């Protein structure tokens, strides 16, 4: 895993999906994600690019 992370230009598959979704408010609403759930991320920690 370390080798792939440092050598491959693409993130690991798990991160490509889970990390992205954890930053989308519509995902939280669609699946009822709330504080205490594994996919939950507080609003002040969300990554917003645009």
N, C-alpha and C. Protein backbone atom coordinates (compact mmCIF):
# COMPACT_ATOMS: atom_id res chain seq x y z
N UNK A 1 0.82 -1.17 0.00
CA UNK A 1 0.00 0.00 0.00
C UNK A 1 0.88 1.26 0.00
N UNK A 2 1.92 1.27 0.80
CA UNK A 2 2.83 2.43 0.82
C UNK A 2 3.49 2.62 -0.53
N UNK A 3 3.93 1.54 -1.12
CA UNK A 3 4.59 1.61 -2.42
C UNK A 3 3.65 2.18 -3.48
N UNK A 4 2.43 1.67 -3.51
CA UNK A 4 1.45 2.18 -4.49
C UNK A 4 1.14 3.65 -4.26
N UNK A 5 1.00 4.02 -3.00
CA UNK A 5 0.67 5.40 -2.68
C UNK A 5 1.76 6.37 -3.12
N UNK A 6 3.00 5.97 -2.96
CA UNK A 6 4.09 6.88 -3.32
C UNK A 6 4.49 6.79 -4.80
N UNK A 7 4.21 5.68 -5.46
CA UNK A 7 4.66 5.50 -6.84
C UNK A 7 3.59 5.75 -7.89
N UNK A 8 2.34 5.54 -7.54
CA UNK A 8 1.25 5.66 -8.52
C UNK A 8 0.67 7.07 -8.48
N UNK A 9 0.39 7.64 -9.65
CA UNK A 9 -0.18 8.99 -9.70
C UNK A 9 -1.65 9.00 -9.27
N UNK A 10 -2.29 7.86 -9.25
CA UNK A 10 -3.68 7.75 -8.84
C UNK A 10 -3.77 7.34 -7.37
N UNK A 11 -4.76 7.87 -6.67
CA UNK A 11 -4.94 7.45 -5.28
C UNK A 11 -5.52 6.03 -5.27
N UNK A 12 -5.42 5.37 -4.13
CA UNK A 12 -5.95 4.03 -4.01
C UNK A 12 -7.47 4.06 -4.23
N UNK A 13 -8.02 2.99 -4.76
CA UNK A 13 -9.45 2.92 -5.10
C UNK A 13 -10.35 3.32 -3.95
N UNK A 14 -10.05 2.83 -2.76
CA UNK A 14 -10.88 3.15 -1.59
C UNK A 14 -10.93 4.66 -1.37
N UNK A 15 -9.80 5.32 -1.54
CA UNK A 15 -9.76 6.77 -1.33
C UNK A 15 -10.45 7.53 -2.44
N UNK A 16 -10.37 7.04 -3.66
CA UNK A 16 -11.02 7.72 -4.77
C UNK A 16 -12.51 7.83 -4.56
N UNK A 17 -13.08 6.86 -3.88
CA UNK A 17 -14.53 6.86 -3.63
C UNK A 17 -14.85 7.49 -2.28
N UNK A 18 -14.36 6.90 -1.21
CA UNK A 18 -14.77 7.31 0.13
C UNK A 18 -14.36 8.73 0.51
N UNK A 19 -13.16 9.12 0.19
CA UNK A 19 -12.70 10.45 0.57
C UNK A 19 -13.48 11.51 -0.21
N UNK A 20 -13.75 11.25 -1.46
CA UNK A 20 -14.52 12.19 -2.27
C UNK A 20 -15.93 12.34 -1.71
N UNK A 21 -16.60 11.23 -1.46
CA UNK A 21 -17.98 11.29 -0.98
C UNK A 21 -18.09 11.97 0.38
N UNK A 22 -17.08 11.82 1.22
CA UNK A 22 -17.11 12.43 2.56
C UNK A 22 -17.07 13.95 2.50
N UNK A 23 -16.85 14.52 1.32
CA UNK A 23 -16.80 15.98 1.17
C UNK A 23 -18.01 16.54 0.44
N UNK A 24 -19.00 15.70 0.16
CA UNK A 24 -20.17 16.14 -0.59
C UNK A 24 -21.41 16.17 0.29
N UNK A 25 -21.91 17.37 0.56
CA UNK A 25 -23.10 17.52 1.38
C UNK A 25 -24.30 16.76 0.81
N UNK A 26 -24.52 16.74 -0.52
CA UNK A 26 -25.65 15.96 -1.06
C UNK A 26 -25.56 14.46 -0.72
N UNK A 27 -24.34 13.93 -0.60
CA UNK A 27 -24.16 12.53 -0.21
C UNK A 27 -24.67 12.33 1.21
N UNK A 28 -24.34 13.25 2.10
CA UNK A 28 -24.80 13.16 3.50
C UNK A 28 -26.32 13.13 3.53
N UNK A 29 -26.94 14.05 2.78
CA UNK A 29 -28.40 14.15 2.77
C UNK A 29 -29.05 12.92 2.16
N UNK A 30 -28.50 12.44 1.04
CA UNK A 30 -29.09 11.31 0.33
C UNK A 30 -29.07 10.02 1.15
N UNK A 31 -28.03 9.85 1.96
CA UNK A 31 -27.89 8.59 2.70
C UNK A 31 -28.04 8.76 4.21
N UNK A 32 -28.49 9.94 4.63
CA UNK A 32 -28.75 10.17 6.04
C UNK A 32 -27.51 10.04 6.92
N UNK A 33 -26.36 10.46 6.40
CA UNK A 33 -25.11 10.39 7.16
C UNK A 33 -25.16 11.45 8.26
N UNK A 34 -24.88 11.03 9.49
CA UNK A 34 -24.92 11.96 10.62
C UNK A 34 -23.73 11.73 11.54
N UNK A 35 -23.54 12.65 12.47
CA UNK A 35 -22.43 12.56 13.42
C UNK A 35 -22.41 11.18 14.07
N UNK A 36 -21.23 10.58 14.11
CA UNK A 36 -21.08 9.24 14.67
C UNK A 36 -20.95 8.17 13.59
N UNK A 37 -21.41 8.45 12.36
CA UNK A 37 -21.26 7.51 11.25
C UNK A 37 -19.83 7.57 10.71
N UNK A 38 -19.33 6.46 10.18
CA UNK A 38 -17.95 6.41 9.68
C UNK A 38 -17.69 7.41 8.56
N UNK A 39 -18.68 7.65 7.72
CA UNK A 39 -18.49 8.56 6.58
C UNK A 39 -18.73 10.02 6.95
N UNK A 40 -19.09 10.30 8.16
CA UNK A 40 -19.39 11.67 8.59
C UNK A 40 -18.12 12.52 8.66
N UNK A 41 -18.25 13.76 8.23
CA UNK A 41 -17.16 14.74 8.37
C UNK A 41 -17.82 16.08 8.72
N UNK A 42 -17.37 16.73 9.80
CA UNK A 42 -17.97 18.00 10.20
C UNK A 42 -17.84 19.05 9.10
N UNK A 43 -18.79 19.96 9.03
CA UNK A 43 -18.82 20.99 7.99
C UNK A 43 -17.51 21.77 7.91
N UNK A 44 -16.91 22.06 9.06
CA UNK A 44 -15.66 22.86 9.05
C UNK A 44 -14.47 22.09 8.50
N UNK A 45 -14.60 20.78 8.32
CA UNK A 45 -13.51 19.96 7.76
C UNK A 45 -13.74 19.59 6.30
N UNK A 46 -14.88 19.95 5.73
CA UNK A 46 -15.16 19.61 4.34
C UNK A 46 -14.21 20.35 3.41
N UNK A 47 -13.75 19.66 2.40
CA UNK A 47 -12.87 20.28 1.40
C UNK A 47 -13.75 20.81 0.27
N UNK A 48 -13.66 22.10 0.01
CA UNK A 48 -14.44 22.73 -1.04
C UNK A 48 -13.46 23.37 -2.02
N UNK A 49 -13.55 22.94 -3.27
CA UNK A 49 -12.62 23.45 -4.28
C UNK A 49 -13.25 24.56 -5.11
N UNK A 50 -14.52 24.36 -5.51
CA UNK A 50 -15.19 25.38 -6.33
C UNK A 50 -16.27 26.04 -5.53
